[in-house]
Amino acid sequence: MAAILVVDDSTTMRQISQTADVGEGTVFLYAKDKRELLFRIFKDDLTAVFDEAFEQVPRNAAFLEQVIAFTTPLLRFLQPHGALARIMVRENFNLTGPAEEDFAALRANINGKFGQLLQQARQQGDIRTDLELTTLIDAIWANFRFYADDWLGQRKPVLHDGISRVRAGLTLLFEGIATEAAARGSRARAREPREVKKKARSRT
């Protein structure tokens, strides 16, 4: 079903049912509109992606590296879906009824995992303690969605490029939410590759 979803707002549920060769009533039994249909198609996959990603986050890494590790599997999942993935990244869905509850549960699951990473980063002295967790989570997601959407707009998105774009955006955000000590360490790590290249050129 996902493969036949058309990626603009002009597509009707009737067109979707005709392309899928199923009755329009059958589609409406599954979802009341296109947004709910899109959410229901990918809900279980997204849940699995985030659950597995969280288990693979290196617990002793810097907070920025943990966020990159947590979001990279999502980029990998979105990559082959092209324009459809851009809708998933942009969409807030605005669902109602049982679908709204399912969406709220998915968001709570994801935000809860982010909250655990943020709490750990605070305990390690990496993140300022004067900022609300919900504000931090919203800021991280807004940042991720902007750069992921830009990456997915390419004709053939390359995963490494997507990770680089997200990293660049999150690095800028991290400068604002990090403690001064953590920010200095982040800037030092960012300079290391350039300094290595300079030393290599000086030897030639």
Protein backbone atom coordinates (compact mmCIF):
# COMPACT_ATOMS: atom_id res chain seq x y z
CA MET A 1 0.00 0.00 0.00
CA ALA A 2 2.80 2.44 0.89
CA ALA A 3 4.34 2.21 -2.55
CA ILE A 4 1.21 3.51 -4.23
CA LEU A 5 0.62 6.52 -2.03
CA VAL A 6 0.92 9.65 -4.14
CA VAL A 7 3.04 12.34 -2.59
CA ASP A 8 0.97 15.51 -2.90
CA ASP A 9 -2.15 16.86 -1.26
CA SER A 10 -4.22 16.60 -4.44
CA THR A 11 -4.31 12.81 -4.29
CA THR A 12 -7.66 11.44 -3.17
CA MET A 13 -8.48 8.31 -1.21
CA ARG A 14 -10.38 7.11 -4.29
CA GLN A 15 -7.21 7.37 -6.40
CA ILE A 16 -5.29 5.49 -3.74
CA SER A 17 -7.89 2.69 -3.65
CA GLN A 18 -7.95 2.46 -7.45
CA THR A 19 -4.16 2.26 -7.68
CA ALA A 20 -4.10 -0.38 -4.94
CA ASP A 21 -6.94 -2.24 -6.67
CA VAL A 22 -9.06 -2.36 -3.52
CA GLY A 23 -12.47 -0.94 -2.77
CA GLU A 24 -12.63 2.62 -1.52
CA GLY A 25 -14.68 1.42 1.43
CA THR A 26 -11.89 -0.98 2.35
CA VAL A 27 -9.39 1.87 2.47
CA PHE A 28 -11.69 3.92 4.69
CA LEU A 29 -12.04 0.97 7.06
CA TYR A 30 -8.28 1.08 7.50
CA ALA A 31 -7.91 4.89 7.75
CA LYS A 32 -10.23 7.87 7.54
CA ASP A 33 -7.85 10.03 5.48
CA LYS A 34 -4.41 10.08 3.83
CA ARG A 35 -2.57 11.24 6.92
CA GLU A 36 -3.91 8.41 9.01
CA LEU A 37 -3.22 5.94 6.21
CA LEU A 38 0.40 7.06 6.01
CA PHE A 39 0.81 6.84 9.78
CA ARG A 40 -0.74 3.37 10.06
CA ILE A 41 1.40 2.00 7.23
CA PHE A 42 4.67 3.05 8.88
CA LYS A 43 3.81 3.03 12.60
CA ASP A 44 5.11 -0.44 13.43
CA ASP A 45 8.25 0.01 11.34
CA LEU A 46 9.05 3.35 13.01
CA THR A 47 8.53 1.86 16.45
CA ALA A 48 10.94 -0.97 15.65
CA VAL A 49 13.52 1.43 14.18
CA PHE A 50 13.59 3.61 17.29
CA ASP A 51 13.56 0.68 19.73
CA GLU A 52 16.52 -0.96 18.01
CA ALA A 53 18.35 2.36 17.59
CA PHE A 54 18.09 3.14 21.28
CA GLU A 55 19.58 -0.21 22.23
CA GLN A 56 22.59 0.52 20.01
CA VAL A 57 23.34 4.00 21.37
CA PRO A 58 26.83 3.99 22.94
CA ARG A 59 26.16 4.86 26.59
CA ASN A 60 29.64 6.29 27.24
CA ALA A 61 29.75 8.53 24.16
CA ALA A 62 29.29 12.30 24.12
CA PHE A 63 25.68 13.46 23.89
CA LEU A 64 26.01 14.63 20.27
CA GLU A 65 27.35 11.23 19.22
CA GLN A 66 24.50 9.52 21.06
CA VAL A 67 21.92 11.61 19.19
CA ILE A 68 23.61 10.85 15.86
CA ALA A 69 23.61 7.14 16.71
CA PHE A 70 19.93 7.34 17.68
CA THR A 71 18.80 9.17 14.52
CA THR A 72 21.01 7.47 11.90
CA PRO A 73 18.80 4.33 11.71
CA LEU A 74 15.83 6.62 10.99
CA LEU A 75 17.72 8.21 8.10
CA ARG A 76 18.58 4.74 6.83
CA PHE A 77 14.89 3.78 7.03
CA LEU A 78 13.71 6.95 5.26
CA GLN A 79 16.31 6.89 2.47
CA PRO A 80 14.62 4.44 0.04
CA HIS A 81 11.17 6.05 0.43
CA GLY A 82 12.11 9.30 -1.31
CA ALA A 83 9.35 11.91 -1.53
CA LEU A 84 7.08 9.81 0.67
CA ALA A 85 9.70 10.03 3.40
CA ARG A 86 9.64 13.83 3.17
CA ILE A 87 5.95 13.75 4.02
CA MET A 88 6.69 11.61 7.08
CA VAL A 89 9.38 14.04 8.19
CA ARG A 90 7.19 17.13 7.68
CA GLU A 91 3.84 15.78 8.81
CA ASN A 92 2.40 16.36 12.28
CA PHE A 93 -0.60 14.20 11.24
CA ASN A 94 -3.26 15.88 13.45
CA LEU A 95 -5.01 12.56 13.95
CA THR A 96 -8.21 11.88 15.87
CA GLY A 97 -9.71 8.89 17.67
CA PRO A 98 -7.71 5.68 18.14
CA ALA A 99 -5.09 6.80 15.62
CA GLU A 100 -4.42 9.90 17.71
CA GLU A 101 -3.81 7.68 20.74
CA ASP A 102 -1.45 5.47 18.74
CA PHE A 103 0.47 8.51 17.50
CA ALA A 104 0.70 9.93 21.02
CA ALA A 105 2.04 6.59 22.25
CA LEU A 106 4.68 6.54 19.49
CA ARG A 107 5.79 10.08 20.30
CA ALA A 108 5.87 9.31 24.02
CA ASN A 109 8.04 6.27 23.35
CA ILE A 110 10.50 8.26 21.22
CA ASN A 111 10.56 11.30 23.51
CA GLY A 112 11.03 9.07 26.52
CA LYS A 113 14.16 7.62 24.97
CA PHE A 114 15.45 11.10 24.15
CA GLY A 115 14.67 12.12 27.71
CA GLN A 116 16.83 9.31 29.07
CA LEU A 117 19.75 10.43 26.91
CA LEU A 118 19.28 14.04 27.99
CA GLN A 119 19.11 13.12 31.66
CA GLN A 120 22.32 11.14 31.35
CA ALA A 121 23.98 14.05 29.54
CA ARG A 122 22.95 16.37 32.37
CA GLN A 123 24.37 14.03 34.97
CA GLN A 124 27.64 13.95 33.03
CA GLY A 125 27.73 17.76 32.91
CA ASP A 126 27.28 17.95 29.12
CA ILE A 127 23.90 19.71 29.00
CA ARG A 128 22.71 22.84 30.78
CA THR A 129 20.28 22.16 33.61
CA ASP A 130 18.26 25.37 33.21
CA LEU A 131 16.43 24.15 30.08
CA GLU A 132 13.21 22.12 30.13
CA LEU A 133 13.54 18.58 28.80
CA THR A 134 10.47 18.95 26.59
CA THR A 135 11.91 22.15 25.07
CA LEU A 136 15.20 20.39 24.37
CA ILE A 137 13.48 17.41 22.77
CA ASP A 138 11.34 19.67 20.56
CA ALA A 139 14.39 21.67 19.51
CA ILE A 140 16.36 18.55 18.61
CA TRP A 141 13.48 17.15 16.56
CA ALA A 142 12.86 20.44 14.76
CA ASN A 143 16.54 20.61 13.88
CA PHE A 144 16.62 17.01 12.69
CA ARG A 145 13.47 17.38 10.60
CA PHE A 146 14.79 20.48 8.82
CA TYR A 147 18.07 18.90 7.73
CA ALA A 148 16.53 15.49 6.99
CA ASP A 149 13.89 17.13 4.79
CA ASP A 150 16.59 19.05 2.91
CA TRP A 151 18.56 15.83 2.38
CA LEU A 152 15.53 13.84 1.21
CA GLY A 153 14.84 16.52 -1.40
CA GLN A 154 17.82 15.30 -3.40
CA ARG A 155 17.19 13.09 -6.42
CA LYS A 156 19.19 10.23 -4.91
CA PRO A 157 19.85 10.85 -1.20
CA VAL A 158 23.14 9.34 -0.02
CA LEU A 159 23.09 8.16 3.59
CA HIS A 160 26.52 9.54 4.45
CA ASP A 161 25.46 12.97 3.21
CA GLY A 162 22.28 12.84 5.28
CA ILE A 163 24.23 11.98 8.42
CA SER A 164 26.68 14.83 7.71
CA ARG A 165 23.86 17.36 7.30
CA VAL A 166 22.11 16.27 10.46
CA ARG A 167 25.41 16.30 12.35
CA ALA A 168 26.18 19.84 11.18
CA GLY A 169 22.76 21.08 12.30
CA LEU A 170 22.88 19.31 15.65
CA THR A 171 26.40 20.59 16.28
CA LEU A 172 25.14 24.17 15.99
CA LEU A 173 22.24 23.37 18.30
CA PHE A 174 24.54 21.64 20.76
CA GLU A 175 26.64 24.80 21.05
CA GLY A 176 23.59 26.48 22.53
CA ILE A 177 22.44 23.81 24.98
CA ALA A 178 25.80 22.46 26.11
CA THR A 179 27.63 23.52 29.22
CA GLU A 180 30.66 25.68 28.48
CA ALA A 181 33.06 22.83 29.28
CA ALA A 182 31.26 20.43 26.96
CA ALA A 183 31.06 23.03 24.20
CA ARG A 184 34.82 23.63 24.39
CA GLY A 185 35.40 19.90 24.07
CA SER A 186 33.06 19.72 21.09
CA ARG A 187 34.86 22.56 19.33
CA ALA A 188 38.21 20.92 20.01
CA ARG A 189 37.03 17.62 18.52
CA ALA A 190 35.69 19.45 15.48
CA ARG A 191 39.12 21.03 14.90
CA GLU A 192 41.03 17.75 15.13
CA PRO A 193 40.41 16.54 11.55
CA ARG A 194 41.52 19.91 10.14
CA GLU A 195 44.67 19.94 12.26
CA VAL A 196 45.55 16.41 11.15
CA LYS A 197 45.18 17.45 7.51
CA LYS A 198 47.41 20.50 8.07
CA LYS A 199 50.14 18.34 9.64
CA ALA A 200 49.88 15.86 6.77
CA ARG A 201 50.30 18.63 4.20
CA SER A 202 53.26 20.11 6.08
CA ARG A 203 55.09 16.78 5.81
CA THR A 204 54.73 16.68 1.99
